[in-house]
Amino acid sequence: MYSEQLKERLGVDEILAVYSQIREKQSFLQFAELLFSEDERVARNAAWVLTKLSDDEILQILPIRNRIIDLILETENSAVRRLNLNIVERFPMTVDNIRTDFLDFCLEKMRSLDEPPGVQCLCMKLACTMCNFYPELKGEFKRTLEAMEISYYNQSMKLLRKKMLKKSSQQQ
């Protein structure tokens, strides 16, 4: 049902309408399967809808967290990557559910000038959260931030980096 709806070019009003429909049916996990559609527009629109979930609702799709991370690692579509990073950032993170491949990915993409600023910033936030669970990684994360040639990045990255450096200095 939603698959056909999501094939179209949608604006925020249509995305919110789809969100209202799935909220009414409480079918978030079933709807989240559309993230893995072969049709990139369907996958992107599904991810956009899922970014609208409340904090309680987002927990309902937590069972597919690893599949969403796999999608982030594999997709070439930066919009799909960014939207799914937004979803993963809202999941609770514990020392038990940190994936080293995802941490490595975030550390790489936060510095990559080939990535859009939204992906860079989300990867930086996620990397920081994951590194905070391990004292030895906190220092590595800080050194990575300090080594970034910040003049190549846009203002949002500069501000986030500054905030992260300040935060890591306060934690030591």
N, C-alpha and C. Protein backbone atom coordinates (compact mmCIF):
# COMPACT_ATOMS: atom_id res chain seq x y z
N MET A 1 0.83 -1.19 0.00
CA MET A 1 0.00 0.00 0.00
C MET A 1 0.88 1.26 0.00
N TYR A 2 1.79 1.36 0.97
CA TYR A 2 2.63 2.55 1.07
C TYR A 2 3.67 2.60 -0.03
N SER A 3 4.07 1.45 -0.52
CA SER A 3 5.13 1.40 -1.53
C SER A 3 4.77 2.25 -2.75
N GLU A 4 3.55 2.13 -3.21
CA GLU A 4 3.10 2.92 -4.37
C GLU A 4 3.08 4.41 -4.04
N GLN A 5 2.62 4.73 -2.86
CA GLN A 5 2.54 6.12 -2.41
C GLN A 5 3.94 6.75 -2.35
N LEU A 6 4.92 5.98 -1.92
CA LEU A 6 6.27 6.50 -1.71
C LEU A 6 7.10 6.56 -2.99
N LYS A 7 6.56 6.07 -4.10
CA LYS A 7 7.27 6.13 -5.38
C LYS A 7 7.25 7.54 -5.97
N GLU A 8 6.35 8.35 -5.48
CA GLU A 8 6.19 9.71 -6.00
C GLU A 8 7.18 10.66 -5.34
N ARG A 9 7.37 11.79 -5.98
CA ARG A 9 8.16 12.85 -5.36
C ARG A 9 7.25 13.51 -4.33
N LEU A 10 7.64 13.45 -3.07
CA LEU A 10 6.78 13.91 -1.99
C LEU A 10 7.36 15.13 -1.30
N GLY A 11 6.46 15.96 -0.82
CA GLY A 11 6.85 17.10 -0.01
C GLY A 11 6.57 16.79 1.45
N VAL A 12 6.88 17.74 2.30
CA VAL A 12 6.75 17.52 3.73
C VAL A 12 5.30 17.21 4.13
N ASP A 13 4.32 17.83 3.47
CA ASP A 13 2.92 17.57 3.82
C ASP A 13 2.54 16.12 3.54
N GLU A 14 3.00 15.60 2.41
CA GLU A 14 2.69 14.20 2.07
C GLU A 14 3.42 13.24 3.02
N ILE A 15 4.64 13.58 3.39
CA ILE A 15 5.40 12.75 4.33
C ILE A 15 4.68 12.70 5.67
N LEU A 16 4.22 13.85 6.14
CA LEU A 16 3.50 13.91 7.41
C LEU A 16 2.17 13.15 7.33
N ALA A 17 1.54 13.16 6.16
CA ALA A 17 0.29 12.41 5.99
C ALA A 17 0.55 10.90 6.09
N VAL A 18 1.63 10.44 5.48
CA VAL A 18 1.99 9.01 5.58
C VAL A 18 2.32 8.67 7.02
N TYR A 19 3.06 9.54 7.68
CA TYR A 19 3.39 9.31 9.09
C TYR A 19 2.11 9.18 9.91
N SER A 20 1.15 10.04 9.68
CA SER A 20 -0.13 9.97 10.41
C SER A 20 -0.82 8.64 10.18
N GLN A 21 -0.76 8.16 8.94
CA GLN A 21 -1.39 6.87 8.63
C GLN A 21 -0.73 5.72 9.37
N ILE A 22 0.59 5.68 9.36
CA ILE A 22 1.26 4.56 10.04
C ILE A 22 1.15 4.70 11.56
N ARG A 23 1.08 5.92 12.03
CA ARG A 23 0.90 6.15 13.47
C ARG A 23 -0.45 5.64 13.92
N GLU A 24 -1.46 5.89 13.10
CA GLU A 24 -2.82 5.44 13.40
C GLU A 24 -2.88 3.91 13.50
N LYS A 25 -2.17 3.25 12.61
CA LYS A 25 -2.16 1.78 12.57
C LYS A 25 -1.11 1.16 13.48
N GLN A 26 -0.22 2.01 14.04
CA GLN A 26 0.88 1.52 14.88
C GLN A 26 1.67 0.42 14.17
N SER A 27 1.95 0.67 12.88
CA SER A 27 2.63 -0.33 12.06
C SER A 27 4.03 0.13 11.68
N PHE A 28 4.77 0.67 12.64
CA PHE A 28 6.08 1.26 12.36
C PHE A 28 7.09 0.23 11.88
N LEU A 29 7.14 -0.92 12.54
CA LEU A 29 8.13 -1.93 12.16
C LEU A 29 7.82 -2.49 10.78
N GLN A 30 6.56 -2.73 10.51
CA GLN A 30 6.17 -3.21 9.18
C GLN A 30 6.51 -2.16 8.12
N PHE A 31 6.21 -0.91 8.39
CA PHE A 31 6.51 0.17 7.46
C PHE A 31 8.02 0.29 7.24
N ALA A 32 8.80 0.09 8.30
CA ALA A 32 10.25 0.25 8.22
C ALA A 32 10.89 -0.72 7.23
N GLU A 33 10.21 -1.79 6.88
CA GLU A 33 10.74 -2.71 5.87
C GLU A 33 10.94 -2.01 4.52
N LEU A 34 10.22 -0.92 4.31
CA LEU A 34 10.36 -0.17 3.06
C LEU A 34 11.72 0.53 2.95
N LEU A 35 12.44 0.63 4.05
CA LEU A 35 13.79 1.19 4.00
C LEU A 35 14.70 0.37 3.08
N PHE A 36 14.35 -0.90 2.92
CA PHE A 36 15.20 -1.84 2.18
C PHE A 36 14.68 -2.09 0.76
N SER A 37 13.81 -1.21 0.30
CA SER A 37 13.25 -1.32 -1.04
C SER A 37 14.35 -1.16 -2.09
N GLU A 38 14.19 -1.86 -3.19
CA GLU A 38 15.11 -1.70 -4.33
C GLU A 38 14.95 -0.32 -4.97
N ASP A 39 13.78 0.24 -4.85
CA ASP A 39 13.48 1.56 -5.40
C ASP A 39 14.04 2.62 -4.44
N GLU A 40 15.08 3.34 -4.87
CA GLU A 40 15.72 4.32 -3.99
C GLU A 40 14.78 5.42 -3.51
N ARG A 41 13.84 5.81 -4.35
CA ARG A 41 12.90 6.86 -3.94
C ARG A 41 12.00 6.35 -2.82
N VAL A 42 11.54 5.11 -2.93
CA VAL A 42 10.71 4.51 -1.88
C VAL A 42 11.52 4.43 -0.59
N ALA A 43 12.76 3.96 -0.68
CA ALA A 43 13.62 3.83 0.50
C ALA A 43 13.88 5.20 1.14
N ARG A 44 14.15 6.19 0.32
CA ARG A 44 14.43 7.54 0.83
C ARG A 44 13.19 8.14 1.49
N ASN A 45 12.04 8.02 0.83
CA ASN A 45 10.81 8.56 1.40
C ASN A 45 10.41 7.83 2.68
N ALA A 46 10.62 6.51 2.72
CA ALA A 46 10.32 5.74 3.93
C ALA A 46 11.20 6.22 5.08
N ALA A 47 12.47 6.43 4.80
CA ALA A 47 13.38 6.93 5.84
C ALA A 47 12.94 8.32 6.31
N TRP A 48 12.53 9.16 5.38
CA TRP A 48 12.07 10.50 5.74
C TRP A 48 10.86 10.41 6.67
N VAL A 49 9.93 9.53 6.35
CA VAL A 49 8.75 9.34 7.21
C VAL A 49 9.20 8.91 8.60
N LEU A 50 10.13 7.96 8.66
CA LEU A 50 10.55 7.42 9.95
C LEU A 50 11.33 8.42 10.80
N THR A 51 11.87 9.46 10.17
CA THR A 51 12.53 10.51 10.97
C THR A 51 11.51 11.32 11.75
N LYS A 52 10.24 11.18 11.43
CA LYS A 52 9.18 11.92 12.12
C LYS A 52 8.69 11.21 13.38
N LEU A 53 9.12 9.97 13.61
CA LEU A 53 8.67 9.22 14.76
C LEU A 53 9.06 9.89 16.07
N SER A 54 8.20 9.75 17.05
CA SER A 54 8.52 10.27 18.39
C SER A 54 9.57 9.36 19.02
N ASP A 55 10.08 9.78 20.16
CA ASP A 55 11.10 8.98 20.84
C ASP A 55 10.55 7.61 21.24
N ASP A 56 9.31 7.54 21.66
CA ASP A 56 8.71 6.24 22.00
C ASP A 56 8.47 5.39 20.76
N GLU A 57 8.03 6.03 19.69
CA GLU A 57 7.75 5.29 18.45
C GLU A 57 9.02 4.73 17.82
N ILE A 58 10.11 5.48 17.90
CA ILE A 58 11.36 5.04 17.27
C ILE A 58 11.83 3.72 17.89
N LEU A 59 11.51 3.50 19.14
CA LEU A 59 11.90 2.26 19.81
C LEU A 59 11.23 1.03 19.20
N GLN A 60 10.11 1.25 18.53
CA GLN A 60 9.41 0.12 17.91
C GLN A 60 10.17 -0.45 16.71
N ILE A 61 11.07 0.33 16.12
CA ILE A 61 11.85 -0.19 15.00
C ILE A 61 13.26 -0.59 15.42
N LEU A 62 13.53 -0.53 16.71
CA LEU A 62 14.83 -0.92 17.24
C LEU A 62 15.23 -2.35 16.85
N PRO A 63 14.29 -3.30 16.73
CA PRO A 63 14.69 -4.66 16.34
C PRO A 63 15.44 -4.75 15.01
N ILE A 64 15.29 -3.76 14.13
CA ILE A 64 15.99 -3.82 12.84
C ILE A 64 17.18 -2.86 12.79
N ARG A 65 17.65 -2.46 13.95
CA ARG A 65 18.78 -1.53 14.06
C ARG A 65 19.97 -1.99 13.22
N ASN A 66 20.37 -3.23 13.37
CA ASN A 66 21.55 -3.71 12.63
C ASN A 66 21.32 -3.73 11.13
N ARG A 67 20.12 -4.01 10.70
CA ARG A 67 19.83 -3.97 9.27
C ARG A 67 19.91 -2.54 8.74
N ILE A 68 19.46 -1.59 9.54
CA ILE A 68 19.54 -0.18 9.13
C ILE A 68 21.00 0.25 9.06
N ILE A 69 21.79 -0.18 10.02
CA ILE A 69 23.22 0.14 9.98
C ILE A 69 23.87 -0.49 8.75
N ASP A 70 23.51 -1.74 8.45
CA ASP A 70 24.04 -2.38 7.23
C ASP A 70 23.69 -1.56 6.00
N LEU A 71 22.46 -1.05 5.95
CA LEU A 71 22.03 -0.22 4.82
C LEU A 71 22.88 1.05 4.73
N ILE A 72 23.14 1.67 5.86
CA ILE A 72 23.98 2.87 5.89
C ILE A 72 25.37 2.56 5.34
N LEU A 73 25.92 1.44 5.74
CA LEU A 73 27.26 1.05 5.31
C LEU A 73 27.33 0.74 3.82
N GLU A 74 26.22 0.27 3.26
CA GLU A 74 26.23 -0.21 1.88
C GLU A 74 25.74 0.80 0.84
N THR A 75 24.85 1.70 1.22
CA THR A 75 24.23 2.57 0.22
C THR A 75 25.21 3.59 -0.35
N GLU A 76 25.03 3.88 -1.62
CA GLU A 76 25.81 4.93 -2.28
C GLU A 76 25.03 6.25 -2.28
N ASN A 77 23.75 6.18 -1.91
CA ASN A 77 22.87 7.34 -1.94
C ASN A 77 23.04 8.14 -0.64
N SER A 78 23.60 9.34 -0.75
CA SER A 78 23.89 10.12 0.45
C SER A 78 22.63 10.58 1.18
N ALA A 79 21.53 10.78 0.46
CA ALA A 79 20.28 11.18 1.12
C ALA A 79 19.74 10.02 1.96
N VAL A 80 19.77 8.83 1.40
CA VAL A 80 19.33 7.63 2.14
C VAL A 80 20.25 7.44 3.35
N ARG A 81 21.54 7.62 3.16
CA ARG A 81 22.51 7.47 4.25
C ARG A 81 22.21 8.47 5.37
N ARG A 82 22.02 9.73 5.00
CA ARG A 82 21.78 10.78 6.00
C ARG A 82 20.49 10.53 6.78
N LEU A 83 19.43 10.19 6.10
CA LEU A 83 18.16 9.96 6.78
C LEU A 83 18.24 8.77 7.73
N ASN A 84 18.91 7.71 7.30
CA ASN A 84 19.05 6.54 8.17
C ASN A 84 20.01 6.80 9.33
N LEU A 85 21.02 7.63 9.11
CA LEU A 85 21.87 8.04 10.23
C LEU A 85 21.06 8.81 11.27
N ASN A 86 20.13 9.64 10.81
CA ASN A 86 19.24 10.35 11.72
C ASN A 86 18.45 9.38 12.59
N ILE A 87 17.98 8.31 11.97
CA ILE A 87 17.20 7.31 12.71
C ILE A 87 18.10 6.61 13.73
N VAL A 88 19.25 6.14 13.30
CA VAL A 88 20.16 5.40 14.19
C VAL A 88 20.63 6.29 15.35
N GLU A 89 20.84 7.56 15.08
CA GLU A 89 21.28 8.47 16.14
C GLU A 89 20.27 8.53 17.28
N ARG A 90 19.02 8.30 16.97
CA ARG A 90 17.97 8.39 17.99
C ARG A 90 17.77 7.09 18.76
N PHE A 91 18.38 6.02 18.31
CA PHE A 91 18.30 4.75 19.04
C PHE A 91 19.17 4.83 20.30
N PRO A 92 18.75 4.17 21.37
CA PRO A 92 19.63 4.12 22.53
C PRO A 92 20.90 3.35 22.19
N MET A 93 22.03 3.86 22.66
CA MET A 93 23.30 3.20 22.39
C MET A 93 23.90 2.75 23.71
N THR A 94 24.35 1.52 23.72
CA THR A 94 25.01 0.96 24.89
C THR A 94 26.31 0.33 24.44
N VAL A 95 27.15 0.00 25.39
CA VAL A 95 28.42 -0.64 25.07
C VAL A 95 28.17 -1.99 24.38
N ASP A 96 27.04 -2.61 24.66
CA ASP A 96 26.73 -3.93 24.10
C ASP A 96 26.26 -3.89 22.65
N ASN A 97 25.81 -2.74 22.18
CA ASN A 97 25.31 -2.73 20.80
C ASN A 97 26.17 -1.88 19.85
N ILE A 98 27.39 -1.58 20.25
CA ILE A 98 28.30 -0.84 19.38
C ILE A 98 28.93 -1.81 18.39
N ARG A 99 28.89 -1.44 17.14
CA ARG A 99 29.52 -2.23 16.09
C ARG A 99 30.79 -1.52 15.65
N THR A 100 31.89 -2.24 15.68
CA THR A 100 33.17 -1.62 15.31
C THR A 100 33.20 -1.20 13.84
N ASP A 101 32.52 -1.97 12.97
CA ASP A 101 32.49 -1.57 11.56
C ASP A 101 31.74 -0.25 11.39
N PHE A 102 30.71 -0.04 12.19
CA PHE A 102 29.95 1.20 12.12
C PHE A 102 30.76 2.36 12.72
N LEU A 103 31.46 2.10 13.80
CA LEU A 103 32.33 3.13 14.39
C LEU A 103 33.41 3.54 13.39
N ASP A 104 34.04 2.57 12.75
CA ASP A 104 35.07 2.88 11.74
C ASP A 104 34.48 3.69 10.60
N PHE A 105 33.29 3.30 10.16
CA PHE A 105 32.59 4.02 9.09
C PHE A 105 32.36 5.48 9.51
N CYS A 106 31.85 5.69 10.71
CA CYS A 106 31.55 7.05 11.18
C CYS A 106 32.82 7.88 11.30
N LEU A 107 33.88 7.29 11.80
CA LEU A 107 35.15 8.01 11.92
C LEU A 107 35.67 8.41 10.54
N GLU A 108 35.48 7.55 9.56
CA GLU A 108 35.93 7.86 8.20
C GLU A 108 35.06 8.93 7.55
N LYS A 109 33.75 8.75 7.62
CA LYS A 109 32.83 9.65 6.92
C LYS A 109 32.75 11.03 7.54
N MET A 110 33.02 11.14 8.84
CA MET A 110 32.98 12.48 9.45
C MET A 110 34.09 13.36 8.90
N ARG A 111 35.17 12.76 8.40
CA ARG A 111 36.29 13.51 7.84
C ARG A 111 36.24 13.61 6.32
N SER A 112 35.39 12.81 5.70
CA SER A 112 35.37 12.73 4.24
C SER A 112 34.78 13.98 3.60
N LEU A 113 35.57 14.62 2.79
CA LEU A 113 35.09 15.80 2.07
C LEU A 113 34.15 15.43 0.94
N ASP A 114 34.06 14.15 0.62
CA ASP A 114 33.13 13.68 -0.41
C ASP A 114 31.71 13.54 0.11
N GLU A 115 31.56 13.59 1.43
CA GLU A 115 30.24 13.46 2.05
C GLU A 115 29.61 14.82 2.27
N PRO A 116 28.28 14.89 2.16
CA PRO A 116 27.60 16.15 2.47
C PRO A 116 27.74 16.48 3.96
N PRO A 117 27.66 17.75 4.32
CA PRO A 117 27.82 18.14 5.72
C PRO A 117 26.87 17.43 6.68
N GLY A 118 25.65 17.13 6.26
CA GLY A 118 24.71 16.43 7.13
C GLY A 118 25.22 15.05 7.53
N VAL A 119 25.78 14.33 6.58
CA VAL A 119 26.35 13.01 6.86
C VAL A 119 27.58 13.16 7.74
N GLN A 120 28.43 14.12 7.43
CA GLN A 120 29.64 14.35 8.24
C GLN A 120 29.27 14.62 9.70
N CYS A 121 28.31 15.52 9.91
CA CYS A 121 27.93 15.90 11.28
C CYS A 121 27.30 14.72 12.03
N LEU A 122 26.41 14.00 11.38
CA LEU A 122 25.79 12.86 12.05
C LEU A 122 26.82 11.79 12.39
N CYS A 123 27.76 11.56 11.48
CA CYS A 123 28.81 10.58 11.75
C CYS A 123 29.69 11.04 12.91
N MET A 124 29.96 12.33 12.99
CA MET A 124 30.78 12.85 14.09
C MET A 124 30.05 12.65 15.43
N LYS A 125 28.77 12.95 15.46
CA LYS A 125 27.99 12.77 16.69
C LYS A 125 27.95 11.31 17.11
N LEU A 126 27.70 10.43 16.15
CA LEU A 126 27.63 9.01 16.45
C LEU A 126 28.99 8.46 16.89
N ALA A 127 30.05 8.87 16.21
CA ALA A 127 31.40 8.43 16.59
C ALA A 127 31.72 8.89 18.01
N CYS A 128 31.38 10.10 18.33
CA CYS A 128 31.62 10.62 19.67
C CYS A 128 30.88 9.79 20.71
N THR A 129 29.62 9.51 20.46
CA THR A 129 28.82 8.70 21.38
C THR A 129 29.44 7.32 21.58
N MET A 130 29.84 6.68 20.48
CA MET A 130 30.43 5.34 20.58
C MET A 130 31.78 5.37 21.29
N CYS A 131 32.60 6.37 20.99
CA CYS A 131 33.93 6.46 21.61
C CYS A 131 33.84 6.75 23.10
N ASN A 132 32.79 7.41 23.53
CA ASN A 132 32.65 7.75 24.95
C ASN A 132 32.52 6.53 25.85
N PHE A 133 32.22 5.38 25.29
CA PHE A 133 32.11 4.16 26.09
C PHE A 133 33.49 3.56 26.42
N TYR A 134 34.52 4.03 25.72
CA TYR A 134 35.87 3.46 25.87
C TYR A 134 36.88 4.58 26.10
N PRO A 135 37.49 4.61 27.28
CA PRO A 135 38.45 5.68 27.59
C PRO A 135 39.56 5.81 26.54
N GLU A 136 40.06 4.69 26.03
CA GLU A 136 41.14 4.75 25.05
C GLU A 136 40.67 5.35 23.72
N LEU A 137 39.39 5.18 23.41
CA LEU A 137 38.87 5.74 22.16
C LEU A 137 38.52 7.22 22.29
N LYS A 138 38.24 7.67 23.51
CA LYS A 138 37.97 9.10 23.71
C LYS A 138 39.17 9.93 23.26
N GLY A 139 40.35 9.50 23.66
CA GLY A 139 41.57 10.22 23.27
C GLY A 139 41.81 10.16 21.78
N GLU A 140 41.56 9.00 21.19
CA GLU A 140 41.74 8.86 19.74
C GLU A 140 40.76 9.76 18.99
N PHE A 141 39.53 9.81 19.48
CA PHE A 141 38.52 10.66 18.85
C PHE A 141 38.95 12.13 18.93
N LYS A 142 39.42 12.55 20.09
CA LYS A 142 39.87 13.94 20.25
C LYS A 142 41.03 14.25 19.31
N ARG A 143 41.99 13.33 19.22
CA ARG A 143 43.13 13.54 18.32
C ARG A 143 42.67 13.62 16.86
N THR A 144 41.69 12.81 16.51
CA THR A 144 41.13 12.85 15.15
C THR A 144 40.51 14.21 14.87
N LEU A 145 39.76 14.73 15.83
CA LEU A 145 39.16 16.07 15.67
C LEU A 145 40.23 17.14 15.52
N GLU A 146 41.24 17.06 16.35
CA GLU A 146 42.30 18.06 16.32
C GLU A 146 43.08 18.01 15.01
N ALA A 147 43.19 16.85 14.42
CA ALA A 147 43.97 16.69 13.18
C ALA A 147 43.20 17.11 11.93
N MET A 148 41.91 17.31 12.06
CA MET A 148 41.10 17.70 10.90
C MET A 148 41.52 19.09 10.42
N GLU A 149 41.76 19.21 9.13
CA GLU A 149 42.05 20.53 8.54
C GLU A 149 40.70 21.23 8.35
N ILE A 150 40.29 21.95 9.36
CA ILE A 150 38.92 22.46 9.45
C ILE A 150 38.56 23.48 8.37
N SER A 151 39.53 24.10 7.77
CA SER A 151 39.23 25.12 6.75
C SER A 151 38.50 24.52 5.54
N TYR A 152 38.57 23.20 5.36
CA TYR A 152 37.91 22.56 4.22
C TYR A 152 36.43 22.27 4.48
N TYR A 153 35.97 22.45 5.70
CA TYR A 153 34.62 22.06 6.07
C TYR A 153 33.70 23.26 6.16
N ASN A 154 32.40 22.99 6.10
CA ASN A 154 31.45 24.10 6.18
C ASN A 154 31.23 24.50 7.64
N GLN A 155 30.45 25.55 7.83
CA GLN A 155 30.27 26.15 9.16
C GLN A 155 29.67 25.17 10.16
N SER A 156 28.72 24.34 9.75
CA SER A 156 28.10 23.41 10.70
C SER A 156 29.13 22.43 11.24
N MET A 157 30.02 21.97 10.38
CA MET A 157 31.08 21.05 10.83
C MET A 157 32.06 21.76 11.75
N LYS A 158 32.40 22.99 11.43
CA LYS A 158 33.33 23.75 12.27
C LYS A 158 32.75 23.93 13.68
N LEU A 159 31.47 24.27 13.74
CA LEU A 159 30.83 24.49 15.04
C LEU A 159 30.70 23.18 15.83
N LEU A 160 30.33 22.12 15.15
CA LEU A 160 30.19 20.83 15.83
C LEU A 160 31.55 20.34 16.33
N ARG A 161 32.57 20.47 15.51
CA ARG A 161 33.92 20.07 15.92
C ARG A 161 34.34 20.84 17.16
N LYS A 162 34.11 22.14 17.15
CA LYS A 162 34.48 22.98 18.30
C LYS A 162 33.73 22.52 19.56
N LYS A 163 32.47 22.24 19.40
CA LYS A 163 31.66 21.76 20.53
C LYS A 163 32.18 20.42 21.05
N MET A 164 32.50 19.52 20.14
CA MET A 164 33.01 18.20 20.52
C MET A 164 34.37 18.31 21.21
N LEU A 165 35.24 19.17 20.72
CA LEU A 165 36.55 19.37 21.35
C LEU A 165 36.39 19.93 22.76
N LYS A 166 35.49 20.89 22.91
CA LYS A 166 35.23 21.47 24.22
C LYS A 166 34.70 20.40 25.18
N LYS A 167 33.78 19.61 24.69
CA LYS A 167 33.19 18.54 25.50
C LYS A 167 34.25 17.51 25.91
N SER A 168 35.10 17.13 24.97
CA SER A 168 36.13 16.13 25.29
C SER A 168 37.18 16.71 26.26
N SER A 169 37.45 18.00 26.18
CA SER A 169 38.39 18.63 27.11
C SER A 169 37.82 18.67 28.53
N GLN A 170 36.52 18.87 28.63
CA GLN A 170 35.86 18.93 29.94
C GLN A 170 35.80 17.56 30.60
N GLN A 171 35.78 16.50 29.78
CA GLN A 171 35.68 15.14 30.32
C GLN A 171 37.01 14.62 30.83
N GLN A 172 38.11 15.28 30.48
CA GLN A 172 39.42 14.78 30.91
C GLN A 172 39.81 15.29 32.26
